[in-house]
Amino acid sequence: MASIMRPTLLRQAAAAFSRQQMVRPAVTKDAARVAAFHASSRRSLLPPGPQVIKGTVNDPAPIPETSPSHGSYHWTFERLVAAGLVPLTIAPFAGSSLNPGLDAILCSLLLVHSHLGFQSVLIDYIPNSRFPGARKASMWLLNAATALVGIGLYEFETNDVGLTEAVKRVWKA
């Protein structure tokens, strides 16, 4: 009985294999096209950075110049600004007072906090060694945006209701 069934099974397997061979080229073409999109340098979404090697294998890694405005002092300043925002955000709403001095300090710290945060993002994701022009341009753009927002906050504080009153009005609306 098994010898009678074996040729039939072999024929069915051979027919299924030939059907797969007809389907497989279309699938592999599509898969190759998708893989080429993800792995090809012809269609890369971002251009690769400059491939420059400075020095030899035996040269030590360069040590950046020390600066008191970077490192632990910079980190401590960022944390103090972030910690100072907590009571300054809660105080005007908890005490129900609209003090323009407190509002100005809150706006200033929010602006400094946002600037430092975006500056850290730019430093982390646009390396100066690979993209010096883009890094410099993005830092200038950040400085210009910070100055523009500072002028806008000053105008909003002096000629309009101020930040805390605006938040109160939006919250109750």
Protein backbone atom coordinates (compact mmCIF):
# COMPACT_ATOMS: atom_id res chain seq x y z
CA MET A 1 0.00 0.00 0.00
CA ALA A 2 2.80 2.42 0.84
CA SER A 3 4.51 1.78 -2.49
CA ILE A 4 1.31 2.74 -4.33
CA MET A 5 1.00 6.07 -2.46
CA ARG A 6 4.65 7.12 -2.72
CA PRO A 7 4.66 8.12 -6.44
CA THR A 8 1.49 10.15 -5.94
CA LEU A 9 3.04 12.03 -3.05
CA LEU A 10 6.19 12.67 -5.04
CA ARG A 11 4.17 14.06 -7.95
CA GLN A 12 2.18 16.34 -5.63
CA ALA A 13 5.37 17.61 -3.99
CA ALA A 14 6.96 18.26 -7.37
CA ALA A 15 3.87 20.16 -8.55
CA ALA A 16 3.81 22.28 -5.37
CA PHE A 17 7.53 23.01 -5.75
CA SER A 18 7.05 24.17 -9.35
CA ARG A 19 4.16 26.46 -8.26
CA GLN A 20 6.40 27.97 -5.58
CA GLN A 21 9.05 28.61 -8.19
CA MET A 22 6.53 30.60 -10.22
CA VAL A 23 5.48 32.69 -7.21
CA ARG A 24 8.93 33.09 -5.70
CA PRO A 25 10.52 35.34 -8.37
CA ALA A 26 7.81 37.97 -7.89
CA VAL A 27 8.21 37.84 -4.13
CA THR A 28 12.00 38.00 -4.28
CA LYS A 29 11.90 40.93 -6.71
CA ASP A 30 9.67 42.89 -4.33
CA ALA A 31 11.75 41.89 -1.33
CA ALA A 32 14.93 42.86 -3.13
CA ARG A 33 13.44 46.22 -4.05
CA VAL A 34 12.39 46.89 -0.44
CA ALA A 35 15.74 45.73 0.90
CA ALA A 36 17.50 47.93 -1.64
CA PHE A 37 15.52 50.92 -0.39
CA HIS A 38 16.59 50.30 3.17
CA ALA A 39 20.18 49.29 2.59
CA SER A 40 21.25 51.01 -0.61
CA SER A 41 23.47 54.07 -0.62
CA ARG A 42 21.72 55.24 -3.79
CA ARG A 43 18.48 55.82 -1.90
CA SER A 44 19.67 56.78 1.55
CA LEU A 45 17.36 59.13 3.39
CA LEU A 46 20.23 61.11 4.89
CA PRO A 47 23.55 61.54 3.16
CA PRO A 48 26.44 59.86 4.93
CA GLY A 49 28.83 62.08 6.79
CA PRO A 50 32.34 62.75 5.53
CA GLN A 51 34.54 59.68 5.82
CA VAL A 52 37.74 61.26 7.09
CA ILE A 53 40.21 59.56 9.38
CA LYS A 54 42.64 61.87 11.13
CA GLY A 55 45.88 60.35 12.30
CA THR A 56 46.76 56.69 12.54
CA VAL A 57 45.55 53.76 14.58
CA ASN A 58 48.21 54.36 17.23
CA ASP A 59 47.35 58.02 17.82
CA PRO A 60 45.49 58.74 21.08
CA ALA A 61 41.98 60.12 21.04
CA PRO A 62 41.96 63.93 21.17
CA ILE A 63 41.04 65.45 24.51
CA PRO A 64 38.73 68.48 24.24
CA GLU A 65 39.82 71.75 25.82
CA THR A 66 38.56 72.31 29.35
CA SER A 67 36.07 75.07 29.99
CA PRO A 68 34.34 76.06 33.24
CA SER A 69 31.09 76.68 31.38
CA HIS A 70 30.91 73.02 30.36
CA GLY A 71 30.99 69.88 32.41
CA SER A 72 29.89 69.78 36.02
CA TYR A 73 29.14 73.51 36.35
CA HIS A 74 26.98 73.43 33.25
CA TRP A 75 25.19 70.30 34.48
CA THR A 76 24.60 71.85 37.92
CA PHE A 77 23.22 75.03 36.35
CA GLU A 78 20.82 73.03 34.18
CA ARG A 79 19.55 71.11 37.24
CA LEU A 80 19.12 74.29 39.29
CA VAL A 81 17.09 75.91 36.51
CA ALA A 82 14.93 72.78 36.18
CA ALA A 83 14.42 72.55 39.95
CA GLY A 84 13.62 76.27 40.17
CA LEU A 85 10.84 75.90 37.63
CA VAL A 86 8.80 73.63 39.92
CA PRO A 87 7.96 76.16 42.65
CA LEU A 88 7.77 79.03 40.17
CA THR A 89 5.14 77.15 38.16
CA ILE A 90 3.01 76.30 41.19
CA ALA A 91 3.36 79.53 43.22
CA PRO A 92 1.22 81.93 41.12
CA PHE A 93 -1.68 79.49 40.97
CA ALA A 94 -1.49 78.30 44.58
CA GLY A 95 -1.25 81.79 46.07
CA SER A 96 -3.72 83.41 43.64
CA SER A 97 -1.39 86.36 43.19
CA LEU A 98 -0.46 87.97 39.90
CA ASN A 99 2.95 89.39 40.64
CA PRO A 100 4.66 90.73 37.50
CA GLY A 101 8.11 90.11 38.99
CA LEU A 102 7.32 86.46 39.64
CA ASP A 103 5.84 86.18 36.16
CA ALA A 104 9.00 87.69 34.62
CA ILE A 105 11.24 85.27 36.52
CA LEU A 106 9.06 82.35 35.42
CA CYS A 107 9.27 83.44 31.76
CA SER A 108 13.04 83.92 32.01
CA LEU A 109 13.63 80.50 33.53
CA LEU A 110 11.32 78.84 31.01
CA LEU A 111 13.26 80.48 28.20
CA VAL A 112 16.66 79.49 29.64
CA HIS A 113 15.44 75.95 30.34
CA SER A 114 14.14 75.53 26.79
CA HIS A 115 17.31 76.98 25.28
CA LEU A 116 19.55 74.66 27.30
CA GLY A 117 17.43 71.66 26.39
CA PHE A 118 17.49 72.35 22.65
CA GLN A 119 21.20 73.14 22.85
CA SER A 120 21.82 69.73 24.42
CA VAL A 121 19.84 68.05 21.63
CA LEU A 122 21.88 69.86 18.98
CA ILE A 123 25.16 68.98 20.69
CA ASP A 124 24.16 65.32 20.95
CA TYR A 125 22.74 64.80 17.46
CA ILE A 126 24.84 67.11 15.25
CA PRO A 127 28.45 66.20 15.99
CA ASN A 128 30.92 69.03 15.45
CA SER A 129 33.57 66.64 14.14
CA ARG A 130 31.37 65.41 11.26
CA PHE A 131 29.12 68.38 10.50
CA PRO A 132 30.85 71.59 11.64
CA GLY A 133 28.89 73.87 9.30
CA ALA A 134 25.51 72.38 10.16
CA ARG A 135 26.32 72.52 13.88
CA LYS A 136 27.29 76.18 13.72
CA ALA A 137 24.24 77.09 11.63
CA SER A 138 21.87 75.22 13.95
CA MET A 139 23.39 76.91 17.02
CA TRP A 140 22.93 80.34 15.41
CA LEU A 141 19.36 79.40 14.49
CA LEU A 142 18.72 78.34 18.09
CA ASN A 143 20.18 81.60 19.43
CA ALA A 144 18.04 83.63 17.02
CA ALA A 145 14.91 81.68 17.95
CA THR A 146 15.64 82.13 21.67
CA ALA A 147 16.09 85.88 21.21
CA LEU A 148 12.87 86.09 19.20
CA VAL A 149 10.91 84.15 21.81
CA GLY A 150 12.44 86.32 24.55
CA ILE A 151 11.27 89.47 22.78
CA GLY A 152 7.83 87.93 22.30
CA LEU A 153 7.56 86.99 25.99
CA TYR A 154 8.66 90.49 27.01
CA GLU A 155 5.99 92.04 24.78
CA PHE A 156 3.39 89.60 26.11
CA GLU A 157 4.32 90.43 29.72
CA THR A 158 4.38 94.22 29.30
CA ASN A 159 1.60 94.86 26.77
CA ASP A 160 -0.81 92.00 27.49
CA VAL A 161 -2.05 89.99 30.47
CA GLY A 162 1.10 88.00 31.18
CA LEU A 163 1.88 84.31 31.20
CA THR A 164 0.20 83.19 34.42
CA GLU A 165 -3.01 85.13 33.71
CA ALA A 166 -3.10 83.69 30.18
CA VAL A 167 -2.71 80.16 31.57
CA LYS A 168 -5.50 80.84 34.09
CA ARG A 169 -7.82 82.08 31.33
CA VAL A 170 -7.07 79.10 29.07
CA TRP A 171 -7.51 76.70 32.00
CA LYS A 172 -10.98 78.10 32.83
CA ALA A 173 -12.13 78.39 29.21
